[in-house]
Amino acid sequence: MKKLYVGNLPFSATEVQVNELFSKHGTVHSVALINDRDTGRPRGFGFVEMDDGGAQAAIQGLNGHSMDNRELRVNEATDRPRGSGGGSRW
C-alpha cells in the first residue's frame, strides 16, 4: 500500500469526491483532507492510501488533472521528519 500526496485541491473538495476520483484507478483504502487546526478551513491538500498498482496509475492519470479549474499535484508522499514544527526555541 502507498500513501499519495494530493496538492492544489479545490477548497470545496470533499473526501467523497476525492475517493471517487481516485477509485477510478484502483482500490482506495483511505482519504484524509487536511484542515487548518486554528480555523478549521481546508488547506487545499490531503493524502490518499491505495494499493501499489492503483497508486502508480493514479499518479500517472491524475497528476495535472483539472478539478474545479485547479491542476492537482499527485505524487508519492514522503514522511516529514519529526520535530520540524517551525516554532521558536525561545
N, C-alpha and C. Protein backbone atom coordinates (compact mmCIF):
# COMPACT_ATOMS: atom_id res chain seq x y z
N MET A 1 0.84 -1.17 0.00
CA MET A 1 0.00 0.00 0.00
C MET A 1 0.89 1.24 0.00
N LYS A 2 0.45 2.26 -0.75
CA LYS A 2 1.20 3.51 -0.85
C LYS A 2 0.33 4.67 -0.41
N LYS A 3 1.00 5.67 0.16
CA LYS A 3 0.33 6.90 0.55
C LYS A 3 0.70 7.96 -0.48
N LEU A 4 -0.33 8.60 -1.03
CA LEU A 4 -0.12 9.63 -2.03
C LEU A 4 -0.43 11.00 -1.45
N TYR A 5 0.37 11.97 -1.83
CA TYR A 5 0.12 13.37 -1.51
C TYR A 5 -0.71 13.94 -2.66
N VAL A 6 -1.78 14.65 -2.32
CA VAL A 6 -2.62 15.29 -3.32
C VAL A 6 -2.66 16.78 -3.00
N GLY A 7 -2.02 17.58 -3.82
CA GLY A 7 -1.94 19.01 -3.58
C GLY A 7 -2.75 19.81 -4.57
N ASN A 8 -2.97 21.07 -4.24
CA ASN A 8 -3.71 22.03 -5.05
C ASN A 8 -5.17 21.63 -5.21
N LEU A 9 -5.72 20.97 -4.18
CA LEU A 9 -7.13 20.61 -4.21
C LEU A 9 -7.99 21.86 -4.08
N PRO A 10 -9.16 21.87 -4.73
CA PRO A 10 -10.08 22.98 -4.50
C PRO A 10 -10.51 22.96 -3.03
N PHE A 11 -10.71 24.12 -2.45
CA PHE A 11 -11.10 24.17 -1.04
C PHE A 11 -12.48 23.57 -0.81
N SER A 12 -13.25 23.43 -1.88
CA SER A 12 -14.58 22.84 -1.77
C SER A 12 -14.58 21.32 -1.89
N ALA A 13 -13.43 20.72 -2.18
CA ALA A 13 -13.35 19.26 -2.37
C ALA A 13 -13.71 18.53 -1.08
N THR A 14 -14.42 17.39 -1.25
CA THR A 14 -14.77 16.55 -0.11
C THR A 14 -14.03 15.23 -0.22
N GLU A 15 -13.97 14.52 0.90
CA GLU A 15 -13.32 13.21 0.89
C GLU A 15 -14.05 12.26 -0.05
N VAL A 16 -15.36 12.37 -0.15
CA VAL A 16 -16.13 11.51 -1.05
C VAL A 16 -15.74 11.78 -2.50
N GLN A 17 -15.62 13.05 -2.88
CA GLN A 17 -15.23 13.39 -4.25
C GLN A 17 -13.84 12.88 -4.58
N VAL A 18 -12.91 13.05 -3.66
CA VAL A 18 -11.54 12.60 -3.89
C VAL A 18 -11.50 11.07 -3.98
N ASN A 19 -12.26 10.40 -3.12
CA ASN A 19 -12.33 8.94 -3.16
C ASN A 19 -12.86 8.47 -4.52
N GLU A 20 -13.93 9.08 -4.99
CA GLU A 20 -14.50 8.69 -6.29
C GLU A 20 -13.50 8.91 -7.42
N LEU A 21 -12.79 10.01 -7.40
CA LEU A 21 -11.81 10.32 -8.44
C LEU A 21 -10.69 9.28 -8.46
N PHE A 22 -10.14 8.97 -7.29
CA PHE A 22 -9.01 8.05 -7.22
C PHE A 22 -9.43 6.59 -7.41
N SER A 23 -10.66 6.25 -7.05
CA SER A 23 -11.10 4.85 -7.17
C SER A 23 -11.22 4.41 -8.63
N LYS A 24 -11.20 5.36 -9.56
CA LYS A 24 -11.19 5.01 -10.98
C LYS A 24 -9.88 4.35 -11.38
N HIS A 25 -8.85 4.49 -10.54
CA HIS A 25 -7.52 3.97 -10.85
C HIS A 25 -7.13 2.78 -9.98
N GLY A 26 -7.93 2.44 -8.98
CA GLY A 26 -7.62 1.31 -8.11
C GLY A 26 -8.38 1.41 -6.79
N THR A 27 -8.08 0.49 -5.90
CA THR A 27 -8.76 0.43 -4.61
C THR A 27 -8.21 1.50 -3.67
N VAL A 28 -9.11 2.33 -3.17
CA VAL A 28 -8.75 3.38 -2.22
C VAL A 28 -9.02 2.85 -0.82
N HIS A 29 -8.01 2.92 0.04
CA HIS A 29 -8.15 2.45 1.42
C HIS A 29 -8.52 3.59 2.36
N SER A 30 -8.03 4.79 2.10
CA SER A 30 -8.40 5.93 2.95
C SER A 30 -8.12 7.24 2.24
N VAL A 31 -8.88 8.26 2.64
CA VAL A 31 -8.70 9.62 2.15
C VAL A 31 -8.71 10.53 3.37
N ALA A 32 -7.73 11.42 3.46
CA ALA A 32 -7.68 12.39 4.56
C ALA A 32 -7.37 13.76 3.97
N LEU A 33 -8.33 14.68 4.07
CA LEU A 33 -8.11 16.05 3.64
C LEU A 33 -7.73 16.86 4.87
N ILE A 34 -6.73 17.71 4.73
CA ILE A 34 -6.16 18.42 5.87
C ILE A 34 -6.82 19.79 6.04
N ASN A 35 -7.22 20.06 7.28
CA ASN A 35 -7.81 21.35 7.64
C ASN A 35 -6.86 22.11 8.54
N ASP A 36 -6.95 23.44 8.50
CA ASP A 36 -6.17 24.29 9.39
C ASP A 36 -6.64 24.05 10.82
N ARG A 37 -5.72 23.82 11.73
CA ARG A 37 -6.13 23.49 13.11
C ARG A 37 -6.72 24.67 13.85
N ASP A 38 -6.37 25.90 13.44
CA ASP A 38 -6.92 27.08 14.12
C ASP A 38 -8.30 27.49 13.59
N THR A 39 -8.45 27.47 12.27
CA THR A 39 -9.69 27.96 11.67
C THR A 39 -10.65 26.84 11.27
N GLY A 40 -10.11 25.62 11.08
CA GLY A 40 -10.94 24.51 10.62
C GLY A 40 -11.19 24.53 9.12
N ARG A 41 -10.63 25.50 8.43
CA ARG A 41 -10.82 25.60 6.98
C ARG A 41 -9.87 24.64 6.26
N PRO A 42 -10.31 24.16 5.07
CA PRO A 42 -9.44 23.27 4.28
C PRO A 42 -8.15 23.97 3.89
N ARG A 43 -7.06 23.18 3.86
CA ARG A 43 -5.75 23.74 3.49
C ARG A 43 -5.42 23.49 2.02
N GLY A 44 -6.25 22.72 1.31
CA GLY A 44 -6.03 22.51 -0.12
C GLY A 44 -5.13 21.35 -0.45
N PHE A 45 -4.91 20.45 0.51
CA PHE A 45 -4.16 19.24 0.21
C PHE A 45 -4.64 18.11 1.10
N GLY A 46 -4.21 16.91 0.74
CA GLY A 46 -4.61 15.74 1.52
C GLY A 46 -3.79 14.53 1.14
N PHE A 47 -4.21 13.39 1.65
CA PHE A 47 -3.50 12.14 1.43
C PHE A 47 -4.49 11.04 1.08
N VAL A 48 -4.07 10.17 0.16
CA VAL A 48 -4.88 9.03 -0.26
C VAL A 48 -4.02 7.79 -0.14
N GLU A 49 -4.54 6.75 0.50
CA GLU A 49 -3.84 5.46 0.58
C GLU A 49 -4.48 4.49 -0.39
N MET A 50 -3.64 3.88 -1.24
CA MET A 50 -4.10 2.96 -2.27
C MET A 50 -3.14 1.77 -2.38
N ASP A 51 -3.63 0.70 -3.04
CA ASP A 51 -2.74 -0.41 -3.38
C ASP A 51 -1.65 0.11 -4.31
N ASP A 52 -0.50 -0.56 -4.31
CA ASP A 52 0.66 -0.09 -5.07
C ASP A 52 0.35 0.16 -6.55
N GLY A 53 -0.27 -0.80 -7.22
CA GLY A 53 -0.56 -0.65 -8.65
C GLY A 53 -1.52 0.49 -8.92
N GLY A 54 -2.55 0.62 -8.11
CA GLY A 54 -3.51 1.70 -8.25
C GLY A 54 -2.88 3.05 -7.98
N ALA A 55 -1.96 3.08 -7.04
CA ALA A 55 -1.29 4.34 -6.70
C ALA A 55 -0.48 4.83 -7.90
N GLN A 56 0.25 3.94 -8.54
CA GLN A 56 1.04 4.34 -9.71
C GLN A 56 0.13 4.83 -10.83
N ALA A 57 -0.98 4.13 -11.04
CA ALA A 57 -1.93 4.53 -12.08
C ALA A 57 -2.54 5.89 -11.76
N ALA A 58 -2.83 6.13 -10.48
CA ALA A 58 -3.41 7.41 -10.07
C ALA A 58 -2.42 8.55 -10.26
N ILE A 59 -1.16 8.31 -9.93
CA ILE A 59 -0.13 9.35 -10.14
C ILE A 59 -0.07 9.72 -11.62
N GLN A 60 0.00 8.71 -12.47
CA GLN A 60 0.11 8.97 -13.90
C GLN A 60 -1.16 9.59 -14.47
N GLY A 61 -2.31 9.15 -13.97
CA GLY A 61 -3.57 9.63 -14.54
C GLY A 61 -4.08 10.94 -13.97
N LEU A 62 -3.70 11.25 -12.72
CA LEU A 62 -4.31 12.41 -12.06
C LEU A 62 -3.36 13.57 -11.81
N ASN A 63 -2.05 13.37 -11.91
CA ASN A 63 -1.13 14.48 -11.74
C ASN A 63 -1.35 15.46 -12.90
N GLY A 64 -1.75 16.68 -12.59
CA GLY A 64 -2.06 17.67 -13.61
C GLY A 64 -3.53 17.69 -14.00
N HIS A 65 -4.31 16.75 -13.47
CA HIS A 65 -5.75 16.68 -13.75
C HIS A 65 -6.44 17.92 -13.19
N SER A 66 -7.37 18.48 -13.94
CA SER A 66 -8.09 19.67 -13.51
C SER A 66 -9.31 19.28 -12.68
N MET A 67 -9.38 19.82 -11.48
CA MET A 67 -10.54 19.63 -10.60
C MET A 67 -11.01 21.02 -10.20
N ASP A 68 -12.18 21.41 -10.64
CA ASP A 68 -12.70 22.76 -10.39
C ASP A 68 -11.68 23.84 -10.77
N ASN A 69 -11.11 23.69 -11.96
CA ASN A 69 -10.14 24.65 -12.52
C ASN A 69 -8.84 24.75 -11.73
N ARG A 70 -8.50 23.71 -10.98
CA ARG A 70 -7.21 23.66 -10.28
C ARG A 70 -6.49 22.38 -10.71
N GLU A 71 -5.23 22.52 -11.11
CA GLU A 71 -4.45 21.35 -11.53
C GLU A 71 -3.91 20.62 -10.31
N LEU A 72 -4.34 19.38 -10.14
CA LEU A 72 -3.90 18.59 -8.99
C LEU A 72 -2.42 18.24 -9.11
N ARG A 73 -1.77 18.17 -7.98
CA ARG A 73 -0.40 17.65 -7.89
C ARG A 73 -0.50 16.34 -7.12
N VAL A 74 -0.16 15.26 -7.77
CA VAL A 74 -0.27 13.93 -7.16
C VAL A 74 1.08 13.25 -7.24
N ASN A 75 1.62 12.87 -6.09
CA ASN A 75 2.86 12.10 -6.07
C ASN A 75 2.90 11.26 -4.79
N GLU A 76 3.90 10.40 -4.72
CA GLU A 76 4.03 9.56 -3.54
C GLU A 76 4.43 10.43 -2.35
N ALA A 77 3.73 10.25 -1.24
CA ALA A 77 4.00 11.05 -0.04
C ALA A 77 5.33 10.61 0.57
N THR A 78 6.04 11.57 1.12
CA THR A 78 7.27 11.28 1.85
C THR A 78 7.05 11.67 3.30
N ASP A 79 7.62 10.91 4.20
CA ASP A 79 7.49 11.22 5.61
C ASP A 79 8.27 12.47 5.95
N ARG A 80 7.64 13.35 6.69
CA ARG A 80 8.30 14.57 7.15
C ARG A 80 9.01 14.26 8.45
N PRO A 81 10.23 14.74 8.60
CA PRO A 81 10.94 14.46 9.85
C PRO A 81 10.19 15.05 11.05
N ARG A 82 10.18 14.32 12.14
CA ARG A 82 9.53 14.78 13.37
C ARG A 82 10.27 15.98 13.94
N GLY A 83 9.54 16.83 14.63
CA GLY A 83 10.16 17.94 15.32
C GLY A 83 10.35 19.18 14.47
N SER A 84 9.90 19.16 13.22
CA SER A 84 10.08 20.33 12.38
C SER A 84 8.78 21.14 12.34
N GLY A 85 8.33 21.56 13.52
CA GLY A 85 7.10 22.30 13.62
C GLY A 85 7.23 23.76 13.30
N GLY A 86 8.44 24.27 13.19
CA GLY A 86 8.65 25.65 12.81
C GLY A 86 8.52 26.63 13.96
N GLY A 87 8.35 26.13 15.16
CA GLY A 87 8.20 27.01 16.31
C GLY A 87 9.54 27.54 16.80
N SER A 88 9.47 28.53 17.64
CA SER A 88 10.68 29.14 18.19
C SER A 88 11.23 28.28 19.32
N ARG A 89 12.53 28.32 19.53
CA ARG A 89 13.15 27.57 20.62
C ARG A 89 13.21 28.39 21.89
N TRP A 90 12.79 29.63 21.84
CA TRP A 90 12.91 30.51 22.99
C TRP A 90 11.76 30.34 23.90
